[in-house]
Amino acid sequence: MSRARPAPEPESVEHKNGGLRLRARLRALYHGSSPVAVRFRLAVLIVDLAIVAFFIAAPLLRGEGLIFYIIDYVIAAILAADLAARASAYSNIRDWLRKPIVWMDLFILATLLFPFFFNLGFLRVLRLWTLIHSDFFWRTVGRRYDDTRVEDVIKALVSLVTFVFVATGFVYTSFMGRHDGISGYLDALYFTVTSLTTTGYGDITLPGDWGRIVSILIMLGGVTLFVRLGQTLLRPNKVRFPCDRCGLQVHDPDAVHCKACGQILCIPDEGA
C-alpha cells in the first residue's frame, strides 16, 4: 500500500500563497491599466529619469567623495529592487532574461556595485536608451504615440543624445589628465560634439593613433545617427497596420490596398 502524502505545513502554504499574491500585485502594477498602476509606473519613470540625470552629471560630482559613493550605492539598491520586481512581474523569467535591455540594465547595476567597473561608469547613461526603448515607457506615458512616427522620432533623438554622452564619458575617462586639451568634462563634451558633427575646429585633438581611432568612430557614429534622425523626421508619414495576407507592417495612412500583395485594407481613421 502506498503511503499517503503528508499534508503541507500551514506556514509553507501561507508563504507560497503570499509569494503568489505578491507576484500578482507586481504584475498588476507593472503591466496593468488601472489608475493606480499608471500612477505607480509614472513614479518609477520619474525616479528613472532622476537617476539618468545623476549618471550624466556623475563626472562633475566625483569630487564630492563619500557622499557620491553613498548616492551610488543607494541608486544600485533602487535599480536592484526594480529589476527584481520586474522579474517577478514577468510571467516567464527565461523570456525576460532573453531581452538585451535586461542584460544592459544588469551591466549598469554591476558598474554601481563593483569598484573594478567604475572606469566604465560612463556606460550608465545607456539607461536612458533602455528606458525610452522599453515597452514600460510607451505603455505609461506614450500610449497614444505607441507605434507611431512620434515614437520613431523620439527613439532616434534619444539614441543620438545617448551616444553623445557615452562618447563624452569615454573621452573624459580615457584622456583626462593624459592630454592637455582635455582638462575637464566640458572639454570632452565639446570635442565629442565638434567631432560627430564633423566641424573639426582643431583646437582640441586626441593624441596618437588611439586618439585618431576614437575620433573616427565618433564621427562615423554621429553621422549615422544624424542621418537616421533626419530620415525619421523627413520621410513620409506611415501607420502601423499589419496586412492579413503578407504581414507588411506599415502603410500609407490613406492606403486602400496593400502595396506588397494587393490585399484590401481597412485602416482606422483616428481623425474621424
C-alpha atoms as a PDB file:
ATOM      1  CA  MET A   1       0.000   0.000   0.000  1.00  0.00           C
ATOM      2  CA  SER A   2       1.256   3.455  -0.866  1.00  0.00           C
ATOM      3  CA  ARG A   3       1.664   5.892   1.909  1.00  0.00           C
ATOM      4  CA  ALA A   4      -0.490   8.982   1.886  1.00  0.00           C
ATOM      5  CA  ARG A   5       1.466  12.155   1.278  1.00  0.00           C
ATOM      6  CA  PRO A   6       1.784  14.296   4.367  1.00  0.00           C
ATOM      7  CA  ALA A   7      -0.246  17.434   4.369  1.00  0.00           C
ATOM      8  CA  PRO A   8       1.804  20.562   3.641  1.00  0.00           C
ATOM      9  CA  GLU A   9       2.791  22.669   6.584  1.00  0.00           C
ATOM     10  CA  PRO A  10       0.428  25.610   7.102  1.00  0.00           C
ATOM     11  CA  GLU A  11       3.360  28.027   7.217  1.00  0.00           C
ATOM     12  CA  SER A  12       4.735  26.819   3.858  1.00  0.00           C
ATOM     13  CA  VAL A  13       1.292  27.083   2.248  1.00  0.00           C
ATOM     14  CA  GLU A  14       0.862  30.585   3.622  1.00  0.00           C
ATOM     15  CA  HIS A  15       4.340  31.555   2.447  1.00  0.00           C
ATOM     16  CA  LYS A  16       3.625  30.211  -1.056  1.00  0.00           C
ATOM     17  CA  ASN A  17       0.283  31.978  -1.245  1.00  0.00           C
ATOM     18  CA  GLY A  18       1.912  35.178  -0.051  1.00  0.00           C
ATOM     19  CA  GLY A  19       4.517  34.897  -2.822  1.00  0.00           C
ATOM     20  CA  LEU A  20       1.809  34.344  -5.435  1.00  0.00           C
ATOM     21  CA  ARG A  21      -0.153  37.342  -4.158  1.00  0.00           C
ATOM     22  CA  LEU A  22       2.982  39.498  -4.307  1.00  0.00           C
ATOM     23  CA  ARG A  23       3.728  38.439  -7.894  1.00  0.00           C
ATOM     24  CA  ALA A  24       0.123  39.102  -8.896  1.00  0.00           C
ATOM     25  CA  ARG A  25       0.287  42.532  -7.283  1.00  0.00           C
ATOM     26  CA  LEU A  26       3.543  43.391  -9.053  1.00  0.00           C
ATOM     27  CA  ARG A  27       2.163  42.144 -12.365  1.00  0.00           C
ATOM     28  CA  ALA A  28      -0.877  44.366 -11.937  1.00  0.00           C
ATOM     29  CA  LEU A  29       1.315  47.391 -11.176  1.00  0.00           C
ATOM     30  CA  TYR A  30       3.866  46.887 -13.956  1.00  0.00           C
ATOM     31  CA  HIS A  31       1.502  45.651 -16.675  1.00  0.00           C
ATOM     32  CA  GLY A  32      -1.983  46.746 -15.630  1.00  0.00           C
ATOM     33  CA  SER A  33      -4.010  49.684 -16.915  1.00  0.00           C
ATOM     34  CA  SER A  34      -5.727  50.795 -13.698  1.00  0.00           C
ATOM     35  CA  PRO A  35      -5.185  54.372 -12.454  1.00  0.00           C
ATOM     36  CA  VAL A  36      -3.120  53.028  -9.547  1.00  0.00           C
ATOM     37  CA  ALA A  37      -0.859  51.079 -11.936  1.00  0.00           C
ATOM     38  CA  VAL A  38      -0.406  54.102 -14.209  1.00  0.00           C
ATOM     39  CA  ARG A  39       0.497  56.345 -11.244  1.00  0.00           C
ATOM     40  CA  PHE A  40       2.945  53.714  -9.989  1.00  0.00           C
ATOM     41  CA  ARG A  41       4.680  53.470 -13.373  1.00  0.00           C
ATOM     42  CA  LEU A  42       4.816  57.268 -13.661  1.00  0.00           C
ATOM     43  CA  ALA A  43       6.553  57.414 -10.268  1.00  0.00           C
ATOM     44  CA  VAL A  44       9.025  54.734 -11.407  1.00  0.00           C
ATOM     45  CA  LEU A  45       9.752  56.689 -14.602  1.00  0.00           C
ATOM     46  CA  ILE A  46      10.346  59.912 -12.664  1.00  0.00           C
ATOM     47  CA  VAL A  47      12.841  58.096 -10.429  1.00  0.00           C
ATOM     48  CA  ASP A  48      14.491  56.561 -13.507  1.00  0.00           C
ATOM     49  CA  LEU A  49      14.893  59.951 -15.185  1.00  0.00           C
ATOM     50  CA  ALA A  50      16.371  61.405 -11.976  1.00  0.00           C
ATOM     51  CA  ILE A  51      18.861  58.520 -11.904  1.00  0.00           C
ATOM     52  CA  VAL A  52      19.804  59.161 -15.550  1.00  0.00           C
ATOM     53  CA  ALA A  53      20.359  62.845 -14.730  1.00  0.00           C
ATOM     54  CA  PHE A  54      22.698  61.768 -11.916  1.00  0.00           C
ATOM     55  CA  PHE A  55      24.585  59.483 -14.309  1.00  0.00           C
ATOM     56  CA  ILE A  56      25.077  62.353 -16.779  1.00  0.00           C
ATOM     57  CA  ALA A  57      26.302  64.685 -14.023  1.00  0.00           C
ATOM     58  CA  ALA A  58      28.408  61.991 -12.294  1.00  0.00           C
ATOM     59  CA  PRO A  59      31.781  63.054 -13.803  1.00  0.00           C
ATOM     60  CA  LEU A  60      31.262  66.516 -12.307  1.00  0.00           C
ATOM     61  CA  LEU A  61      30.266  65.135  -8.894  1.00  0.00           C
ATOM     62  CA  ARG A  62      33.042  62.624  -8.265  1.00  0.00           C
ATOM     63  CA  GLY A  63      34.935  65.203  -6.220  1.00  0.00           C
ATOM     64  CA  GLU A  64      32.219  65.063  -3.547  1.00  0.00           C
ATOM     65  CA  GLY A  65      33.906  61.971  -2.073  1.00  0.00           C
ATOM     66  CA  LEU A  66      31.924  59.813   0.337  1.00  0.00           C
ATOM     67  CA  ILE A  67      28.561  61.428  -0.467  1.00  0.00           C
ATOM     68  CA  PHE A  68      28.970  60.499  -4.139  1.00  0.00           C
ATOM     69  CA  TYR A  69      29.580  56.832  -3.323  1.00  0.00           C
ATOM     70  CA  ILE A  70      26.663  56.734  -0.879  1.00  0.00           C
ATOM     71  CA  ILE A  71      24.361  58.017  -3.631  1.00  0.00           C
ATOM     72  CA  ASP A  72      25.924  55.450  -5.978  1.00  0.00           C
ATOM     73  CA  TYR A  73      25.014  52.550  -3.699  1.00  0.00           C
ATOM     74  CA  VAL A  74      21.547  53.924  -2.964  1.00  0.00           C
ATOM     75  CA  ILE A  75      20.891  54.034  -6.708  1.00  0.00           C
ATOM     76  CA  ALA A  76      22.256  50.490  -7.002  1.00  0.00           C
ATOM     77  CA  ALA A  77      19.768  49.333  -4.350  1.00  0.00           C
ATOM     78  CA  ILE A  78      16.894  51.056  -6.195  1.00  0.00           C
ATOM     79  CA  LEU A  79      17.868  49.511  -9.543  1.00  0.00           C
ATOM     80  CA  ALA A  80      18.300  46.060  -7.977  1.00  0.00           C
ATOM     81  CA  ALA A  81      14.860  46.281  -6.357  1.00  0.00           C
ATOM     82  CA  ASP A  82      13.318  47.448  -9.632  1.00  0.00           C
ATOM     83  CA  LEU A  83      14.930  44.624 -11.621  1.00  0.00           C
ATOM     84  CA  ALA A  84      13.804  42.043  -9.047  1.00  0.00           C
ATOM     85  CA  ALA A  85      10.253  43.415  -9.145  1.00  0.00           C
ATOM     86  CA  ARG A  86      10.190  43.393 -12.960  1.00  0.00           C
ATOM     87  CA  ALA A  87      11.431  39.805 -12.993  1.00  0.00           C
ATOM     88  CA  SER A  88       8.727  38.757 -10.510  1.00  0.00           C
ATOM     89  CA  ALA A  89       6.056  40.550 -12.541  1.00  0.00           C
ATOM     90  CA  TYR A  90       7.091  38.800 -15.754  1.00  0.00           C
ATOM     91  CA  SER A  91       5.248  35.570 -16.491  1.00  0.00           C
ATOM     92  CA  ASN A  92       8.296  33.708 -17.822  1.00  0.00           C
ATOM     93  CA  ILE A  93      11.656  34.582 -16.267  1.00  0.00           C
ATOM     94  CA  ARG A  94      13.593  32.889 -19.095  1.00  0.00           C
ATOM     95  CA  ASP A  95      11.894  35.037 -21.717  1.00  0.00           C
ATOM     96  CA  TRP A  96      12.612  38.084 -19.583  1.00  0.00           C
ATOM     97  CA  LEU A  97      16.313  37.205 -19.407  1.00  0.00           C
ATOM     98  CA  ARG A  98      16.490  36.892 -23.191  1.00  0.00           C
ATOM     99  CA  LYS A  99      15.812  40.599 -23.594  1.00  0.00           C
ATOM    100  CA  PRO A 100      19.026  42.556 -24.423  1.00  0.00           C
ATOM    101  CA  ILE A 101      17.691  45.550 -22.483  1.00  0.00           C
ATOM    102  CA  VAL A 102      17.605  43.432 -19.302  1.00  0.00           C
ATOM    103  CA  TRP A 103      21.266  42.463 -19.682  1.00  0.00           C
ATOM    104  CA  MET A 104      22.187  46.094 -20.277  1.00  0.00           C
ATOM    105  CA  ASP A 105      20.428  47.067 -17.046  1.00  0.00           C
ATOM    106  CA  LEU A 106      22.266  44.255 -15.224  1.00  0.00           C
ATOM    107  CA  PHE A 107      25.577  45.576 -16.547  1.00  0.00           C
ATOM    108  CA  ILE A 108      24.705  49.097 -15.393  1.00  0.00           C
ATOM    109  CA  LEU A 109      23.944  47.653 -11.951  1.00  0.00           C
ATOM    110  CA  ALA A 110      27.359  45.946 -11.945  1.00  0.00           C
ATOM    111  CA  THR A 111      29.111  49.281 -12.617  1.00  0.00           C
ATOM    112  CA  LEU A 112      27.424  50.633  -9.494  1.00  0.00           C
ATOM    113  CA  LEU A 113      28.227  47.691  -7.216  1.00  0.00           C
ATOM    114  CA  PHE A 114      31.741  46.605  -8.133  1.00  0.00           C
ATOM    115  CA  PRO A 115      34.735  49.004  -7.930  1.00  0.00           C
ATOM    116  CA  PHE A 116      36.610  47.434 -10.854  1.00  0.00           C
ATOM    117  CA  PHE A 117      33.741  48.577 -13.139  1.00  0.00           C
ATOM    118  CA  PHE A 118      33.990  52.229 -12.065  1.00  0.00           C
ATOM    119  CA  ASN A 119      36.052  53.187 -15.138  1.00  0.00           C
ATOM    120  CA  LEU A 120      33.102  52.004 -17.248  1.00  0.00           C
ATOM    121  CA  GLY A 121      30.721  54.265 -15.354  1.00  0.00           C
ATOM    122  CA  PHE A 122      30.129  56.398 -18.463  1.00  0.00           C
ATOM    123  CA  LEU A 123      28.128  53.460 -19.878  1.00  0.00           C
ATOM    124  CA  ARG A 124      25.474  54.047 -17.210  1.00  0.00           C
ATOM    125  CA  VAL A 125      23.983  56.725 -19.469  1.00  0.00           C
ATOM    126  CA  LEU A 126      22.761  53.796 -21.595  1.00  0.00           C
ATOM    127  CA  ARG A 127      19.996  53.606 -19.005  1.00  0.00           C
ATOM    128  CA  LEU A 128      18.356  56.486 -20.911  1.00  0.00           C
ATOM    129  CA  TRP A 129      18.371  54.406 -24.098  1.00  0.00           C
ATOM    130  CA  THR A 130      16.961  51.312 -22.401  1.00  0.00           C
ATOM    131  CA  LEU A 131      14.247  53.401 -20.733  1.00  0.00           C
ATOM    132  CA  ILE A 132      12.993  55.089 -23.920  1.00  0.00           C
ATOM    133  CA  HIS A 133      13.177  51.833 -25.908  1.00  0.00           C
ATOM    134  CA  SER A 134      11.169  49.867 -23.349  1.00  0.00           C
ATOM    135  CA  ASP A 135       7.504  48.915 -23.591  1.00  0.00           C
ATOM    136  CA  PHE A 136       7.232  50.085 -19.988  1.00  0.00           C
ATOM    137  CA  PHE A 137       7.774  53.721 -21.056  1.00  0.00           C
ATOM    138  CA  TRP A 138       5.385  53.724 -24.015  1.00  0.00           C
ATOM    139  CA  ARG A 139       2.614  51.910 -22.139  1.00  0.00           C
ATOM    140  CA  THR A 140       2.787  54.561 -19.430  1.00  0.00           C
ATOM    141  CA  VAL A 141       3.363  57.997 -20.946  1.00  0.00           C
ATOM    142  CA  GLY A 142       3.252  57.378 -24.672  1.00  0.00           C
ATOM    143  CA  ARG A 143       0.260  55.127 -25.200  1.00  0.00           C
ATOM    144  CA  ARG A 144      -1.301  57.382 -27.837  1.00  0.00           C
ATOM    145  CA  TYR A 145       2.044  57.637 -29.651  1.00  0.00           C
ATOM    146  CA  ASP A 146       2.999  53.960 -29.404  1.00  0.00           C
ATOM    147  CA  ASP A 147       3.913  52.506 -32.829  1.00  0.00           C
ATOM    148  CA  THR A 148       3.671  55.934 -34.473  1.00  0.00           C
ATOM    149  CA  ARG A 149       6.063  58.363 -36.135  1.00  0.00           C
ATOM    150  CA  VAL A 150       6.389  60.266 -32.850  1.00  0.00           C
ATOM    151  CA  GLU A 151       7.831  57.141 -31.205  1.00  0.00           C
ATOM    152  CA  ASP A 152      10.341  56.700 -34.040  1.00  0.00           C
ATOM    153  CA  VAL A 153      11.485  60.334 -33.816  1.00  0.00           C
ATOM    154  CA  ILE A 154      11.881  60.253 -30.030  1.00  0.00           C
ATOM    155  CA  LYS A 155      13.823  56.973 -30.157  1.00  0.00           C
ATOM    156  CA  ALA A 156      16.149  58.341 -32.865  1.00  0.00           C
ATOM    157  CA  LEU A 157      16.723  61.566 -30.887  1.00  0.00           C
ATOM    158  CA  VAL A 158      17.391  59.696 -27.636  1.00  0.00           C
ATOM    159  CA  SER A 159      19.822  57.364 -29.428  1.00  0.00           C
ATOM    160  CA  LEU A 160      21.779  60.418 -30.605  1.00  0.00           C
ATOM    161  CA  VAL A 161      21.764  62.066 -27.164  1.00  0.00           C
ATOM    162  CA  THR A 162      22.828  58.808 -25.509  1.00  0.00           C
ATOM    163  CA  PHE A 163      25.683  58.408 -27.995  1.00  0.00           C
ATOM    164  CA  VAL A 164      26.887  61.955 -27.285  1.00  0.00           C
ATOM    165  CA  PHE A 165      27.116  61.414 -23.530  1.00  0.00           C
ATOM    166  CA  VAL A 166      28.572  57.897 -23.772  1.00  0.00           C
ATOM    167  CA  ALA A 167      31.246  59.131 -26.189  1.00  0.00           C
ATOM    168  CA  THR A 168      31.908  62.159 -23.972  1.00  0.00           C
ATOM    169  CA  GLY A 169      32.310  59.915 -20.942  1.00  0.00           C
ATOM    170  CA  PHE A 170      34.708  57.641 -22.821  1.00  0.00           C
ATOM    171  CA  VAL A 171      36.851  60.568 -23.991  1.00  0.00           C
ATOM    172  CA  TYR A 172      36.853  62.063 -20.494  1.00  0.00           C
ATOM    173  CA  THR A 173      37.777  58.765 -18.823  1.00  0.00           C
ATOM    174  CA  SER A 174      40.447  57.849 -21.378  1.00  0.00           C
ATOM    175  CA  PHE A 175      42.184  61.201 -21.947  1.00  0.00           C
ATOM    176  CA  MET A 176      41.550  63.354 -18.866  1.00  0.00           C
ATOM    177  CA  GLY A 177      44.917  64.094 -17.253  1.00  0.00           C
ATOM    178  CA  ARG A 178      46.779  62.410 -20.117  1.00  0.00           C
ATOM    179  CA  HIS A 179      46.296  65.154 -22.675  1.00  0.00           C
ATOM    180  CA  ASP A 180      46.466  68.925 -22.143  1.00  0.00           C
ATOM    181  CA  GLY A 181      43.486  69.584 -24.406  1.00  0.00           C
ATOM    182  CA  ILE A 182      41.069  67.598 -22.185  1.00  0.00           C
ATOM    183  CA  SER A 183      41.192  69.399 -18.844  1.00  0.00           C
ATOM    184  CA  GLY A 184      37.552  68.816 -17.830  1.00  0.00           C
ATOM    185  CA  TYR A 185      34.250  67.216 -18.734  1.00  0.00           C
ATOM    186  CA  LEU A 186      33.155  70.253 -20.768  1.00  0.00           C
ATOM    187  CA  ASP A 187      36.255  69.891 -22.961  1.00  0.00           C
ATOM    188  CA  ALA A 188      35.363  66.236 -23.613  1.00  0.00           C
ATOM    189  CA  LEU A 189      31.774  67.204 -24.477  1.00  0.00           C
ATOM    190  CA  TYR A 190      32.987  69.986 -26.778  1.00  0.00           C
ATOM    191  CA  PHE A 191      35.366  67.645 -28.589  1.00  0.00           C
ATOM    192  CA  THR A 192      32.642  64.992 -28.988  1.00  0.00           C
ATOM    193  CA  VAL A 193      30.105  67.418 -30.468  1.00  0.00           C
ATOM    194  CA  THR A 194      32.597  69.017 -32.870  1.00  0.00           C
ATOM    195  CA  SER A 195      33.766  65.565 -33.979  1.00  0.00           C
ATOM    196  CA  LEU A 196      30.374  63.943 -34.529  1.00  0.00           C
ATOM    197  CA  THR A 197      29.158  66.988 -36.459  1.00  0.00           C
ATOM    198  CA  THR A 198      32.432  66.823 -38.478  1.00  0.00           C
ATOM    199  CA  THR A 199      33.007  70.525 -37.729  1.00  0.00           C
ATOM    200  CA  GLY A 200      36.567  69.815 -36.576  1.00  0.00           C
ATOM    201  CA  TYR A 201      37.808  73.213 -35.349  1.00  0.00           C
ATOM    202  CA  GLY A 202      41.149  71.605 -34.487  1.00  0.00           C
ATOM    203  CA  ASP A 203      41.586  73.404 -31.143  1.00  0.00           C
ATOM    204  CA  ILE A 204      41.215  70.060 -29.324  1.00  0.00           C
ATOM    205  CA  THR A 205      42.604  66.886 -30.872  1.00  0.00           C
ATOM    206  CA  LEU A 206      43.287  63.499 -29.307  1.00  0.00           C
ATOM    207  CA  PRO A 207      46.914  62.344 -29.425  1.00  0.00           C
ATOM    208  CA  GLY A 208      48.333  59.256 -31.093  1.00  0.00           C
ATOM    209  CA  ASP A 209      46.825  56.502 -33.189  1.00  0.00           C
ATOM    210  CA  TRP A 210      44.329  55.610 -30.462  1.00  0.00           C
ATOM    211  CA  GLY A 211      43.105  59.204 -30.426  1.00  0.00           C
ATOM    212  CA  ARG A 212      42.597  59.151 -34.184  1.00  0.00           C
ATOM    213  CA  ILE A 213      40.668  55.871 -33.993  1.00  0.00           C
ATOM    214  CA  VAL A 214      38.378  57.311 -31.295  1.00  0.00           C
ATOM    215  CA  SER A 215      37.814  60.454 -33.382  1.00  0.00           C
ATOM    216  CA  ILE A 216      36.934  58.386 -36.450  1.00  0.00           C
ATOM    217  CA  LEU A 217      34.473  56.231 -34.501  1.00  0.00           C
ATOM    218  CA  ILE A 218      32.779  59.309 -33.015  1.00  0.00           C
ATOM    219  CA  MET A 219      32.445  60.886 -36.458  1.00  0.00           C
ATOM    220  CA  LEU A 220      31.047  57.728 -38.044  1.00  0.00           C
ATOM    221  CA  GLY A 221      28.630  57.091 -35.176  1.00  0.00           C
ATOM    222  CA  GLY A 222      27.469  60.707 -35.070  1.00  0.00           C
ATOM    223  CA  VAL A 223      26.887  60.967 -38.818  1.00  0.00           C
ATOM    224  CA  THR A 224      24.967  57.675 -38.831  1.00  0.00           C
ATOM    225  CA  LEU A 225      22.678  58.766 -36.010  1.00  0.00           C
ATOM    226  CA  PHE A 226      22.176  62.229 -37.534  1.00  0.00           C
ATOM    227  CA  VAL A 227      21.178  60.658 -40.850  1.00  0.00           C
ATOM    228  CA  ARG A 228      18.788  58.299 -39.086  1.00  0.00           C
ATOM    229  CA  LEU A 229      17.178  61.200 -37.193  1.00  0.00           C
ATOM    230  CA  GLY A 230      16.867  63.200 -40.422  1.00  0.00           C
ATOM    231  CA  GLN A 231      15.270  60.278 -42.247  1.00  0.00           C
ATOM    232  CA  THR A 232      12.802  59.794 -39.411  1.00  0.00           C
ATOM    233  CA  LEU A 233      11.814  63.468 -39.498  1.00  0.00           C
ATOM    234  CA  LEU A 234      11.578  63.827 -43.277  1.00  0.00           C
ATOM    235  CA  ARG A 235      10.226  60.509 -44.521  1.00  0.00           C
ATOM    236  CA  PRO A 236       6.501  60.343 -45.424  1.00  0.00           C
ATOM    237  CA  ASN A 237       4.195  59.528 -42.566  1.00  0.00           C
ATOM    238  CA  LYS A 238       3.255  55.859 -42.250  1.00  0.00           C
ATOM    239  CA  VAL A 239       0.893  53.975 -39.961  1.00  0.00           C
ATOM    240  CA  ARG A 240       1.376  50.534 -38.460  1.00  0.00           C
ATOM    241  CA  PHE A 241      -1.340  48.221 -39.729  1.00  0.00           C
ATOM    242  CA  PRO A 242      -0.267  44.621 -40.449  1.00  0.00           C
ATOM    243  CA  CYS A 243      -1.600  43.122 -43.674  1.00  0.00           C
ATOM    244  CA  ASP A 244      -3.607  39.944 -43.018  1.00  0.00           C
ATOM    245  CA  ARG A 245      -2.187  38.240 -46.114  1.00  0.00           C
ATOM    246  CA  CYS A 246       1.523  39.118 -46.414  1.00  0.00           C
ATOM    247  CA  GLY A 247       2.227  40.642 -42.985  1.00  0.00           C
ATOM    248  CA  LEU A 248       3.551  44.003 -44.231  1.00  0.00           C
ATOM    249  CA  GLN A 249       3.581  46.189 -41.119  1.00  0.00           C
ATOM    250  CA  VAL A 250       3.445  49.809 -42.365  1.00  0.00           C
ATOM    251  CA  HIS A 251       1.251  51.511 -44.957  1.00  0.00           C
ATOM    252  CA  ASP A 252       0.299  54.986 -46.095  1.00  0.00           C
ATOM    253  CA  PRO A 253      -2.457  56.464 -43.890  1.00  0.00           C
ATOM    254  CA  ASP A 254      -4.915  56.558 -46.814  1.00  0.00           C
ATOM    255  CA  ALA A 255      -3.931  53.174 -48.315  1.00  0.00           C
ATOM    256  CA  VAL A 256      -6.835  51.041 -49.584  1.00  0.00           C
ATOM    257  CA  HIS A 257      -4.741  48.110 -50.845  1.00  0.00           C
ATOM    258  CA  CYS A 258      -1.536  46.582 -49.515  1.00  0.00           C
ATOM    259  CA  LYS A 259       1.287  47.704 -51.820  1.00  0.00           C
ATOM    260  CA  ALA A 260       3.020  44.333 -51.430  1.00  0.00           C
ATOM    261  CA  CYS A 261       0.211  41.855 -52.176  1.00  0.00           C
ATOM    262  CA  GLY A 262      -2.854  43.926 -53.123  1.00  0.00           C
ATOM    263  CA  GLN A 263      -4.953  42.800 -50.158  1.00  0.00           C
ATOM    264  CA  ILE A 264      -7.834  45.170 -49.357  1.00  0.00           C
ATOM    265  CA  LEU A 265      -7.099  47.120 -46.164  1.00  0.00           C
ATOM    266  CA  CYS A 266      -9.388  48.826 -43.684  1.00  0.00           C
ATOM    267  CA  ILE A 267      -7.121  51.223 -41.791  1.00  0.00           C
ATOM    268  CA  PRO A 268      -8.955  53.087 -38.999  1.00  0.00           C
ATOM    269  CA  ASP A 269      -9.055  56.856 -39.401  1.00  0.00           C
ATOM    270  CA  GLU A 270      -8.081  58.227 -35.995  1.00  0.00           C
ATOM    271  CA  GLY A 271      -9.055  61.745 -37.039  1.00  0.00           C
ATOM    272  CA  ALA A 272     -12.613  60.747 -37.883  1.00  0.00           C
END
